[in-house]
Protein backbone atom coordinates (compact mmCIF):
# COMPACT_ATOMS: atom_id res chain seq x y z
CA MET A 1 0.05 -0.11 -0.07
CA ASN A 2 2.65 2.34 -1.02
CA GLY A 3 4.11 2.12 2.33
CA VAL A 4 1.23 3.29 4.04
CA ASN A 5 0.14 1.18 6.95
CA PRO A 6 -3.01 -0.41 6.99
CA PHE A 7 -5.71 0.44 9.41
CA PRO A 8 -4.44 0.07 13.22
CA ALA A 9 -5.66 -3.61 14.33
CA ARG A 10 -6.47 -2.12 17.55
CA PHE A 11 -9.56 -0.26 15.69
CA HIS A 12 -10.98 -3.79 14.60
CA SER A 13 -12.46 -4.68 17.95
CA ALA A 14 -12.85 -1.40 19.40
CA GLY A 15 -15.53 -1.43 22.03
CA LYS A 16 -17.99 1.18 20.67
CA ALA A 17 -17.48 0.04 17.04
CA ASN A 18 -20.49 -2.57 17.78
CA MET A 19 -22.76 0.30 17.91
CA ALA A 20 -22.04 1.34 14.31
CA SER A 21 -23.32 0.30 11.48
CA VAL A 22 -21.22 -1.71 8.94
CA MET A 23 -21.40 1.06 6.38
CA ALA A 24 -20.23 3.26 9.20
CA THR A 25 -17.44 1.45 9.91
CA LYS A 26 -16.07 0.71 6.57
CA ARG A 27 -16.53 4.12 5.66
CA LEU A 28 -14.35 5.59 8.49
CA ARG A 29 -11.94 2.91 8.08
CA LYS A 30 -11.83 4.06 4.41
CA GLU A 31 -11.53 7.84 5.47
CA TYR A 32 -8.42 6.98 8.13
CA LEU A 33 -6.46 5.33 5.51
CA ALA A 34 -6.93 7.90 3.06
CA LEU A 35 -5.93 10.48 5.07
CA GLN A 36 -2.54 8.55 6.01
CA LYS A 37 -2.20 8.04 2.77
CA ASN A 38 -2.99 11.76 1.03
CA PRO A 39 -2.59 13.83 4.39
CA VAL A 40 -4.92 17.19 4.36
CA GLU A 41 -2.62 20.23 5.07
CA ASN A 42 -2.59 21.51 8.49
CA ILE A 43 -4.82 18.50 9.71
CA ARG A 44 -4.59 15.77 11.80
CA ALA A 45 -7.07 12.81 12.62
CA ALA A 46 -7.79 9.90 14.25
CA PRO A 47 -10.16 7.66 16.00
CA LEU A 48 -10.04 6.59 19.75
CA GLU A 49 -8.73 3.13 20.39
CA LYS A 50 -12.15 2.15 21.71
CA ASN A 51 -14.61 3.81 19.88
CA ILE A 52 -14.14 4.39 15.93
CA LEU A 53 -17.46 6.85 15.94
CA GLU A 54 -15.35 9.36 18.11
CA TRP A 55 -12.38 11.23 16.06
CA HIS A 56 -10.04 13.96 17.46
CA TYR A 57 -8.47 16.42 15.20
CA VAL A 58 -6.03 18.76 15.34
CA ILE A 59 -5.94 21.52 13.22
CA SER A 60 -2.79 23.91 12.85
CA GLY A 61 -2.85 27.81 12.64
CA THR A 62 -1.59 28.82 8.78
CA GLU A 63 0.76 31.81 8.15
CA GLY A 64 -0.69 35.09 8.70
CA ALA A 65 -3.60 34.18 10.42
CA PRO A 66 -4.51 35.21 13.93
CA TYR A 67 -4.52 31.32 14.93
CA GLU A 68 -0.38 31.03 13.56
CA GLY A 69 1.35 28.89 15.45
CA GLY A 70 -1.56 27.55 17.37
CA PHE A 71 -2.90 23.84 17.64
CA TYR A 72 -6.61 23.20 17.95
CA HIS A 73 -8.01 20.11 19.32
CA GLY A 74 -11.29 18.90 18.80
CA LYS A 75 -13.54 15.93 17.99
CA LEU A 76 -15.94 14.94 15.32
CA LYS A 77 -18.66 12.52 17.05
CA PHE A 78 -20.12 10.39 14.20
CA PRO A 79 -23.76 8.74 14.60
CA PRO A 80 -24.16 5.15 13.87
CA LYS A 81 -25.86 5.73 10.48
CA TYR A 82 -22.75 7.98 9.16
CA PRO A 83 -22.23 8.82 6.39
CA MET A 84 -25.88 9.42 5.70
CA LYS A 85 -26.31 11.49 8.72
CA PRO A 86 -23.28 14.19 9.64
CA PRO A 87 -21.35 14.16 12.49
CA SER A 88 -21.01 16.48 15.77
CA VAL A 89 -17.91 18.95 15.71
CA ILE A 90 -16.50 20.32 18.64
CA MET A 91 -13.29 22.22 19.45
CA CYS A 92 -11.61 21.70 23.08
CA THR A 93 -8.59 24.03 22.62
CA PRO A 94 -9.59 27.87 23.58
CA ASN A 95 -9.47 29.42 20.36
CA GLY A 96 -10.85 33.13 20.41
CA ARG A 97 -13.43 31.81 18.07
CA PHE A 98 -15.58 28.94 19.25
CA GLU A 99 -16.81 28.02 22.56
CA THR A 100 -14.81 25.13 23.89
CA ASN A 101 -16.53 21.51 24.38
CA ARG A 102 -19.62 22.89 22.65
CA ARG A 103 -21.22 21.81 19.09
CA ILE A 104 -20.53 24.35 16.36
CA CYS A 105 -23.43 25.08 13.85
CA LEU A 106 -21.89 24.41 10.43
CA SER A 107 -23.74 23.65 7.31
CA MET A 108 -21.69 20.00 7.32
CA SER A 109 -22.34 19.32 10.63
CA ASP A 110 -25.30 17.41 12.83
CA PHE A 111 -26.81 20.93 13.19
CA HIS A 112 -28.01 20.77 9.56
CA PRO A 113 -28.53 17.31 8.31
CA GLU A 114 -30.91 18.98 5.32
CA THR A 115 -27.52 20.52 3.76
CA TRP A 116 -25.37 17.45 4.80
CA ASN A 117 -23.88 15.52 1.68
CA PRO A 118 -22.83 11.87 2.30
CA LEU A 119 -19.65 12.47 -0.26
CA TRP A 120 -18.08 14.38 2.34
CA ALA A 121 -15.23 12.82 4.16
CA VAL A 122 -13.20 14.02 7.72
CA GLY A 123 -10.82 15.83 5.47
CA SER A 124 -13.34 18.26 4.07
CA ILE A 125 -15.51 18.51 7.52
CA LEU A 126 -11.88 19.65 9.23
CA THR A 127 -11.24 22.24 6.05
CA GLY A 128 -14.54 23.55 6.22
CA LEU A 129 -13.87 24.43 9.74
CA TYR A 130 -11.18 26.10 9.65
CA SER A 131 -12.33 28.28 6.60
CA PHE A 132 -14.84 29.10 9.16
CA MET A 133 -13.00 29.35 11.82
CA LEU A 134 -11.20 32.37 9.92
CA GLU A 135 -14.38 34.01 9.13
CA ASP A 136 -16.11 36.16 11.44
CA LYS A 137 -19.65 35.06 11.08
CA ILE A 138 -21.25 34.44 13.83
CA THR A 139 -23.25 31.02 14.84
CA THR A 140 -24.46 28.88 17.55
CA GLY A 141 -21.11 27.76 19.55
CA SER A 142 -19.07 30.88 18.58
CA ILE A 143 -17.76 33.89 20.28
CA GLU A 144 -16.57 36.92 19.32
CA THR A 145 -12.59 38.23 20.94
CA THR A 146 -9.79 40.28 19.43
CA GLU A 147 -7.22 39.09 17.12
CA GLU A 148 -4.59 40.04 20.33
CA ASP A 149 -6.79 37.50 22.46
CA LYS A 150 -6.73 34.87 19.22
CA ARG A 151 -2.82 35.18 18.96
CA ALA A 152 -2.56 34.76 22.95
CA TYR A 153 -5.00 31.61 22.81
CA ALA A 154 -2.79 30.53 19.74
CA ALA A 155 0.49 30.74 21.67
CA ALA A 156 -0.79 28.60 24.83
CA SER A 157 -2.82 26.18 22.49
CA LEU A 158 -0.34 23.32 22.73
CA GLN A 159 0.87 23.70 26.30
CA TYR A 160 -3.28 23.13 26.72
CA ASN A 161 -3.94 20.50 24.76
CA CYS A 162 -1.00 18.38 26.57
CA LYS A 163 -2.92 18.09 29.48
CA ASP A 164 -5.40 16.19 27.62
CA LYS A 165 -5.13 12.60 27.85
CA ASN A 166 -6.57 11.83 24.47
CA PHE A 167 -4.65 14.28 22.83
CA ARG A 168 -1.16 12.73 24.46
CA SER A 169 -2.34 9.30 22.87
CA LEU A 170 -3.21 10.33 19.48
CA PHE A 171 -0.90 13.00 18.90
CA THR A 172 2.09 11.93 20.34
CA ASP A 173 4.59 14.26 17.65
CA LEU A 174 3.07 17.24 19.12
CA VAL A 175 3.65 16.29 22.50
CA GLU A 176 7.04 15.80 21.79
CA LEU A 177 7.34 19.33 20.21
CA GLN A 178 5.89 20.74 23.29
CA ARG A 179 8.37 19.00 25.61
CA ALA A 180 11.45 19.98 22.95
CA LYS A 181 10.20 23.41 23.55
CA GLU A 182 9.72 23.09 27.06
CA THR A 183 13.26 21.95 27.30
CA GLU A 184 14.64 24.74 25.48
CA GLN A 185 12.87 27.25 27.55
CA ALA A 186 14.02 26.26 30.48
CA ALA A 187 17.86 26.22 28.89
CA THR A 188 17.75 29.66 28.16
CA SER A 189 16.09 30.62 31.10
CA ALA A 190 19.21 28.78 33.02
CA THR A 191 21.34 30.79 30.75
CA SER A 192 19.81 34.05 31.58
CA GLU A 193 19.91 33.46 35.28
CA SER A 194 23.74 32.71 35.09
CA THR A 195 24.51 35.42 32.53
CA GLU A 196 22.86 37.95 35.44
CA ALA A 197 24.18 36.09 38.16
CA ALA A 198 27.41 36.80 36.52
CA THR A 199 27.00 40.44 35.36
CA ALA A 200 25.99 40.84 39.28
CA ALA A 201 29.19 39.23 40.89
CA LEU A 202 31.59 41.78 38.51
CA ASP A 203 29.44 44.56 40.07
C-alpha cells in the first residue's frame, strides 16, 4: 500500500464500534487510510482506540492568520448511520472563535442534516471548519474576541492540549514538540540567570 500502514488492528475490535453500522465502520476505516496516504495540509485526525465513532483532530493555524502557531484540538462524533447522517463538531482548545466543548453549527455538522452531503469526509469537514474559523460570521457555538486574544490563545494552545489524555495518546509528535519547547525555554532561562549572576558578581 505504498508504504502506508493499514488500519491499526486495535481499531478492529474497538468496544463502541459494535454500535456503528457496518457501513459507518467501513467508511471510517477507509477515511482513516485515505488521510494516512494523502494527508490534508494543516490537519491531523484519528479515531479513539475504543470508539471508532469518536475522532479527534488537530488543526494547525496557518501563517498570517491570528491562529498562526496554534494547534486546535477537537472532536468529531459520528452517528451510527454515518455517512448518511452528519457528525457533531466540537473544539476543545481555547481559540477565541468558538466556545470550547460545545457543538458548533456548520452546514456540514449535525446542526444541518438537510444540507449534509454523504460524499463529504473527515478531511473536507475539517477543512470547512478551519475556513469558517477564519471568518467572522456568528453562529451557534461561536464567540467574539480580539485578534490579540486569538494570538494569545494560539501561543498557549499546545501546552493546554497536552493536558488532555486523548490528545497525548493520539498526537505523540505534538507532545514531543511541546516537551522540546519546554526544554529549550528552561535552557534559555538558565542561561539568562547565569549571565545575570555573572554580571552581578562583576559589579
